Amino acid sequence: MTQFCLTVSCPSKRGIVAAIANYIAQNGCNITDSTQFDDADNGQFFMRISAEAETGAMLADISEGFNDVAGRFDMSYEFHDQGKPMKVVVMVSRFGHCLNDLLYRVRIGALPIEIVSVISNHMDYQKVVVNHDIPFHYIKVTKENKPEAEARIMAVVEEVGGELIVLARYMQVLSDAMCQKMSGRINNIHHSFLPSFKGANPYKQAYERGVKLIGATSHYVTADLDEGPIIEQDTVRVTHAQNGSDYVSLGRDVEASVLARAVHAHANYRVFLIGNKTVVLPASPGSYSSKRMG
C-alpha cells in the first residue's frame, strides 16, 4: 500500500479542499490526515494531506494526474513517498549535543530521516559517527581555503543525494553562494540570546546578567547571518540559584530538542516558506513516537 504526502500552496479561494479531496478519492486513495492554514494577511492557502493508495495506484501516476486540479487553482504542489526517509547531511564542529541527539532519535525511529553523511571541520566525533555506520568527512576550513572547502562539502552532499543539510552546531559561516544554492534546505540552531549576547561564550554573559529565560531558535540559513525564516523555538526558565554550568547544560538541552523538532517538521513536509517567515502546520498526534509518521 503506497503511503504518500501531498503539500499544496496557492492563492486562497473557495473549493480548494473539496477539489483535492475529490481527486484523492477518485484515484482510489484514502486520506489519513489533513491540516491546512488560510493566511488572510497574504491571501495564501497552505495544505498538507497524508493518504494511502488502496488500489495499487502508482504515486507517479497520481501526481501527474493532479495537474488539472492544480491548474484550476494556480497551485504549487508536491507529492512525497512517505515510505522513503529524507536523506540528511549533518554538519558539526566541536559541540556534539545536537549531533548525538539526532543520532539517537534516528536510531529509535523518532525522526523520518536517514543520516547519509556527517561533515566536520574537526575530528572530535569521527569515532561516534563511524560507530553508527555513517560516513564521516573531515573538511578543514580556513579563511584561505573556504571556497575549496565548500566545494568539497557540496560534492559530498551531491554524491550522497542529500536533501537537507542540518547544522548541528557547525561553527562556520556559510557563503552566500552556498546559502542560495541550498535555499530552504539548510537548518541551523543557535541560542536565542541574539543580538544581546554575541561571541564565543553567550551563556556566561547571560549568567552574569541574571537572565531568567534560556532559549533556542532553529531557522533556515540565508545570506543574512542567523536571520533566516524561523522553523522552531523554545525556552526554559532559570533562576538566581543556578550557576553558569547549569545555564550551559539547560541551553544545550533546549538546543537539541528545538533542532530535532525543526528537522522533524521539515522531513515531514510541514514547513512552508512565505517571504522571510514560515508556516509550520501541526504534527499529527503520535507522530513523534511512531516510525510511521504522518
Protein backbone atom coordinates (compact mmCIF):
# COMPACT_ATOMS: atom_id res chain seq x y z
CA MET A 1 0.00 0.00 0.00
CA THR A 2 1.54 3.31 -1.11
CA GLN A 3 1.58 5.96 1.63
CA PHE A 4 2.18 9.47 0.42
CA CYS A 5 2.03 13.09 1.42
CA LEU A 6 0.70 15.97 -0.69
CA THR A 7 1.68 19.56 0.04
CA VAL A 8 -0.13 22.46 -1.59
CA SER A 9 0.21 26.23 -1.58
CA CYS A 10 -1.88 28.58 -3.70
CA PRO A 11 -3.97 31.76 -3.66
CA SER A 12 -6.90 31.36 -1.29
CA LYS A 13 -10.26 30.75 -2.93
CA ARG A 14 -13.40 28.68 -2.47
CA GLY A 15 -13.39 24.98 -3.44
CA ILE A 16 -9.74 24.03 -2.91
CA VAL A 17 -10.30 21.44 -0.19
CA ALA A 18 -13.23 19.85 -2.00
CA ALA A 19 -11.30 19.59 -5.26
CA ILE A 20 -8.31 17.93 -3.59
CA ALA A 21 -10.42 15.53 -1.53
CA ASN A 22 -12.47 14.50 -4.59
CA TYR A 23 -9.32 13.87 -6.63
CA ILE A 24 -7.78 11.74 -3.87
CA ALA A 25 -10.98 9.66 -3.53
CA GLN A 26 -11.47 9.26 -7.28
CA ASN A 27 -7.97 7.78 -7.54
CA GLY A 28 -8.68 5.05 -5.00
CA CYS A 29 -6.86 6.75 -2.14
CA ASN A 30 -7.88 7.26 1.47
CA ILE A 31 -6.97 10.46 3.36
CA THR A 32 -5.48 9.59 6.77
CA ASP A 33 -4.52 13.09 7.93
CA SER A 34 -5.17 16.64 6.75
CA THR A 35 -4.06 20.04 8.03
CA GLN A 36 -4.46 23.45 6.44
CA PHE A 37 -3.99 27.17 7.02
CA ASP A 38 -5.56 30.14 5.28
CA ASP A 39 -3.23 33.14 5.56
CA ALA A 40 -5.61 36.09 5.43
CA ASP A 41 -2.78 38.63 5.55
CA ASN A 42 -1.20 37.33 2.34
CA GLY A 43 -4.19 35.71 0.67
CA GLN A 44 -2.40 32.36 0.56
CA PHE A 45 -3.66 28.88 1.36
CA PHE A 46 -1.47 26.02 2.64
CA MET A 47 -2.42 22.36 2.98
CA ARG A 48 -0.77 19.06 3.80
CA ILE A 49 -2.50 15.71 3.30
CA SER A 50 -1.36 12.19 4.18
CA ALA A 51 -3.07 9.44 2.21
CA GLU A 52 -2.91 5.77 1.26
CA ALA A 53 -3.32 4.44 -2.25
CA GLU A 54 -5.57 1.43 -1.67
CA THR A 55 -5.88 0.32 -5.29
CA GLY A 56 -2.17 -0.17 -6.04
CA ALA A 57 -2.03 3.08 -7.98
CA MET A 58 1.49 4.37 -8.65
CA LEU A 59 2.48 7.64 -6.99
CA ALA A 60 3.91 8.98 -10.26
CA ASP A 61 0.54 8.49 -11.97
CA ILE A 62 -1.38 10.11 -9.10
CA SER A 63 1.00 13.07 -9.16
CA GLU A 64 0.82 13.54 -12.93
CA GLY A 65 -2.97 13.39 -12.96
CA PHE A 66 -3.16 16.15 -10.35
CA ASN A 67 -2.02 18.76 -12.90
CA ASP A 68 -5.60 19.58 -13.90
CA VAL A 69 -6.66 20.34 -10.33
CA ALA A 70 -3.50 22.35 -9.71
CA GLY A 71 -4.03 24.40 -12.85
CA ARG A 72 -7.55 25.43 -11.82
CA PHE A 73 -6.28 26.90 -8.55
CA ASP A 74 -2.78 28.07 -9.58
CA MET A 75 -1.23 25.63 -7.10
CA SER A 76 2.34 24.82 -6.27
CA TYR A 77 2.33 21.21 -5.11
CA GLU A 78 4.48 18.19 -4.41
CA PHE A 79 3.78 14.50 -3.79
CA HIS A 80 6.17 12.70 -1.43
CA ASP A 81 6.56 8.97 -0.85
CA GLN A 82 6.34 8.56 2.93
CA GLY A 83 8.00 5.18 2.73
CA LYS A 84 11.31 6.87 1.88
CA PRO A 85 13.09 8.70 4.72
CA MET A 86 14.60 12.05 3.83
CA LYS A 87 18.36 11.92 3.21
CA VAL A 88 20.14 14.30 5.59
CA VAL A 89 23.73 15.51 5.82
CA VAL A 90 24.69 16.69 9.32
CA MET A 91 27.48 19.20 9.85
CA VAL A 92 29.12 19.65 13.26
CA SER A 93 32.16 21.28 14.85
CA ARG A 94 33.21 20.70 18.48
CA PHE A 95 29.88 20.69 20.37
CA GLY A 96 28.26 17.28 19.96
CA HIS A 97 24.98 17.50 21.90
CA CYS A 98 22.81 18.14 18.83
CA LEU A 99 24.59 15.51 16.73
CA ASN A 100 24.26 12.86 19.44
CA ASP A 101 20.60 13.72 19.94
CA LEU A 102 19.86 13.36 16.22
CA LEU A 103 21.73 10.04 16.02
CA TYR A 104 19.72 8.67 18.94
CA ARG A 105 16.35 9.85 17.60
CA VAL A 106 17.07 8.31 14.21
CA ARG A 107 18.09 5.03 15.84
CA ILE A 108 14.80 4.74 17.77
CA GLY A 109 12.68 5.75 14.77
CA ALA A 110 11.62 9.14 16.13
CA LEU A 111 12.78 11.05 13.04
CA PRO A 112 11.78 10.16 9.45
CA ILE A 113 15.29 10.73 8.12
CA GLU A 114 18.39 8.84 7.08
CA ILE A 115 21.67 10.48 8.06
CA VAL A 116 23.71 9.68 4.98
CA SER A 117 26.86 11.58 5.95
CA VAL A 118 28.39 13.71 8.70
CA ILE A 119 30.78 16.51 7.79
CA SER A 120 33.02 18.26 10.31
CA ASN A 121 35.87 20.74 10.40
CA HIS A 122 37.26 18.81 13.41
CA MET A 123 37.93 15.14 14.15
CA ASP A 124 36.23 15.04 17.58
CA TYR A 125 33.20 12.94 16.53
CA GLN A 126 34.69 10.68 13.89
CA LYS A 127 34.56 7.58 16.09
CA VAL A 128 30.98 8.30 17.25
CA VAL A 129 29.77 8.68 13.67
CA VAL A 130 31.64 5.67 12.28
CA ASN A 131 30.26 3.52 15.12
CA HIS A 132 26.79 4.36 13.75
CA ASP A 133 27.89 3.07 10.31
CA ILE A 134 27.64 6.57 8.84
CA PRO A 135 30.36 8.03 6.57
CA PHE A 136 32.39 10.78 8.25
CA HIS A 137 34.12 13.51 6.23
CA TYR A 138 36.75 15.77 7.78
CA ILE A 139 36.92 19.00 5.80
CA LYS A 140 39.17 21.63 7.35
CA VAL A 141 38.02 25.21 6.83
CA THR A 142 40.27 28.27 6.93
CA LYS A 143 39.97 31.79 5.55
CA GLU A 144 42.34 30.80 2.78
CA ASN A 145 40.64 27.57 1.66
CA LYS A 146 36.96 28.35 2.30
CA PRO A 147 35.81 28.25 -1.36
CA GLU A 148 37.63 24.94 -1.88
CA ALA A 149 36.22 23.54 1.39
CA GLU A 150 32.66 24.47 0.47
CA ALA A 151 33.11 22.91 -2.95
CA ARG A 152 34.15 19.66 -1.22
CA ILE A 153 31.14 19.92 1.12
CA MET A 154 28.74 20.34 -1.80
CA ALA A 155 30.42 17.44 -3.61
CA VAL A 156 29.67 15.20 -0.62
CA VAL A 157 26.07 16.44 -0.43
CA GLU A 158 25.51 15.73 -4.11
CA GLU A 159 27.27 12.36 -4.01
CA VAL A 160 25.07 11.03 -1.19
CA GLY A 161 21.88 12.65 -2.54
CA GLY A 162 21.45 14.91 0.49
CA GLU A 163 18.02 16.57 0.55
CA LEU A 164 18.64 18.57 3.72
CA ILE A 165 21.73 19.91 5.48
CA VAL A 166 21.48 20.20 9.27
CA LEU A 167 23.97 22.47 11.00
CA ALA A 168 24.21 20.75 14.39
CA ARG A 169 26.36 23.48 15.96
CA TYR A 170 28.61 23.83 12.92
CA MET A 171 30.65 26.89 13.81
CA GLN A 172 31.45 28.21 10.36
CA VAL A 173 29.62 30.90 8.39
CA LEU A 174 28.45 29.57 5.02
CA SER A 175 29.00 31.63 1.89
CA ASP A 176 26.16 33.50 0.19
CA ALA A 177 26.55 31.22 -2.83
CA MET A 178 26.05 28.04 -0.77
CA CYS A 179 23.08 29.58 1.07
CA GLN A 180 21.42 30.47 -2.23
CA LYS A 181 22.12 27.09 -3.83
CA MET A 182 20.59 25.24 -0.86
CA SER A 183 17.88 27.79 -0.11
CA GLY A 184 15.22 26.31 2.16
CA ARG A 185 17.30 23.15 2.64
CA ILE A 186 19.74 24.12 5.41
CA ASN A 187 18.55 24.06 9.03
CA ASN A 188 20.57 25.81 11.72
CA ILE A 189 20.32 26.01 15.51
CA HIS A 190 21.53 28.72 17.86
CA HIS A 191 20.77 30.14 21.27
CA SER A 192 18.08 32.82 21.42
CA PHE A 193 20.15 35.46 23.21
CA LEU A 194 20.96 37.15 19.90
CA PRO A 195 21.51 40.01 19.38
CA SER A 196 22.11 40.70 23.10
CA PHE A 197 24.95 38.30 23.87
CA LYS A 198 27.27 37.69 20.94
CA GLY A 199 30.59 35.90 20.88
CA ALA A 200 32.05 32.60 21.97
CA ASN A 201 30.50 32.35 25.46
CA PRO A 202 26.93 33.69 25.42
CA TYR A 203 25.77 31.55 28.36
CA LYS A 204 28.46 33.05 30.61
CA GLN A 205 27.32 36.54 29.59
CA ALA A 206 23.70 35.59 30.25
CA TYR A 207 24.58 34.22 33.69
CA GLU A 208 26.44 37.39 34.60
CA ARG A 209 23.42 39.47 33.59
CA GLY A 210 20.98 37.34 35.56
CA VAL A 211 18.93 36.20 32.58
CA LYS A 212 15.74 34.32 33.58
CA LEU A 213 14.97 32.60 30.27
CA ILE A 214 17.24 30.47 28.09
CA GLY A 215 16.02 29.69 24.60
CA ALA A 216 16.96 28.28 21.22
CA THR A 217 15.93 29.01 17.65
CA SER A 218 16.09 26.77 14.59
CA HIS A 219 15.83 28.50 11.23
CA TYR A 220 16.65 28.15 7.57
CA VAL A 221 20.06 29.52 6.65
CA THR A 222 20.21 32.60 4.43
CA ALA A 223 22.92 35.05 3.46
CA ASP A 224 21.84 37.19 6.45
CA LEU A 225 23.59 35.55 9.41
CA ASP A 226 21.14 33.99 11.91
CA GLU A 227 18.21 35.88 10.38
CA GLY A 228 16.61 33.22 8.18
CA PRO A 229 12.96 32.11 8.40
CA ILE A 230 12.28 30.60 11.83
CA ILE A 231 11.06 26.99 12.00
CA GLU A 232 11.01 26.22 15.74
CA GLN A 233 11.76 27.92 19.08
CA ASP A 234 11.54 27.12 22.77
CA THR A 235 12.63 28.42 26.18
CA VAL A 236 13.42 27.10 29.65
CA ARG A 237 13.37 29.13 32.89
CA VAL A 238 16.44 29.65 35.06
CA THR A 239 16.81 31.27 38.48
CA HIS A 240 19.42 33.03 40.58
CA ALA A 241 20.11 29.70 42.33
CA GLN A 242 21.60 28.17 39.18
CA ASN A 243 25.21 28.67 38.16
CA GLY A 244 26.91 29.20 34.85
CA SER A 245 27.33 25.46 34.23
CA ASP A 246 23.58 24.98 34.71
CA TYR A 247 22.95 27.63 32.08
CA VAL A 248 25.15 25.75 29.61
CA SER A 249 23.52 22.37 30.34
CA LEU A 250 19.98 23.70 30.06
CA GLY A 251 20.91 25.61 26.92
CA ARG A 252 22.28 22.50 25.25
CA ASP A 253 19.14 20.54 26.13
CA VAL A 254 16.82 23.11 24.60
CA GLU A 255 19.04 23.50 21.52
CA ALA A 256 18.93 19.74 20.87
CA SER A 257 15.16 19.44 21.29
CA VAL A 258 14.39 22.51 19.18
CA LEU A 259 16.64 21.33 16.35
CA ALA A 260 15.06 17.86 16.42
CA ARG A 261 11.56 19.34 16.19
CA ALA A 262 12.61 21.57 13.30
CA VAL A 263 14.13 18.61 11.42
CA HIS A 264 11.01 16.56 12.14
CA ALA A 265 8.78 19.29 10.71
CA HIS A 266 10.90 19.72 7.58
CA ALA A 267 11.28 15.99 6.95
CA ASN A 268 7.51 15.56 7.26
CA TYR A 269 6.92 18.37 4.74
CA ARG A 270 5.05 20.53 7.24
CA VAL A 271 7.07 23.72 6.65
CA PHE A 272 6.06 26.26 4.01
CA LEU A 273 8.20 29.30 3.24
CA ILE A 274 6.39 32.60 2.77
CA GLY A 275 8.74 35.54 2.40
CA ASN A 276 11.01 35.79 5.43
CA LYS A 277 8.84 33.60 7.65
CA THR A 278 7.36 30.12 7.68
CA VAL A 279 4.01 28.43 8.04
CA VAL A 280 4.51 25.23 10.06
CA LEU A 281 1.45 23.00 10.01
CA PRO A 282 0.95 20.96 13.21
CA ALA A 283 2.11 17.37 13.54
CA SER A 284 -0.35 14.52 13.75
CA PRO A 285 -0.98 13.03 17.21
CA GLY A 286 1.59 10.35 17.98
CA SER A 287 3.91 11.27 15.10
CA TYR A 288 6.92 11.60 17.39
CA SER A 289 6.58 8.10 18.81
CA SER A 290 5.80 6.09 15.69
CA LYS A 291 8.01 5.01 12.83
CA ARG A 292 5.10 5.69 10.53
CA MET A 293 4.93 9.47 10.73
CA GLY A 294 2.03 11.49 9.36
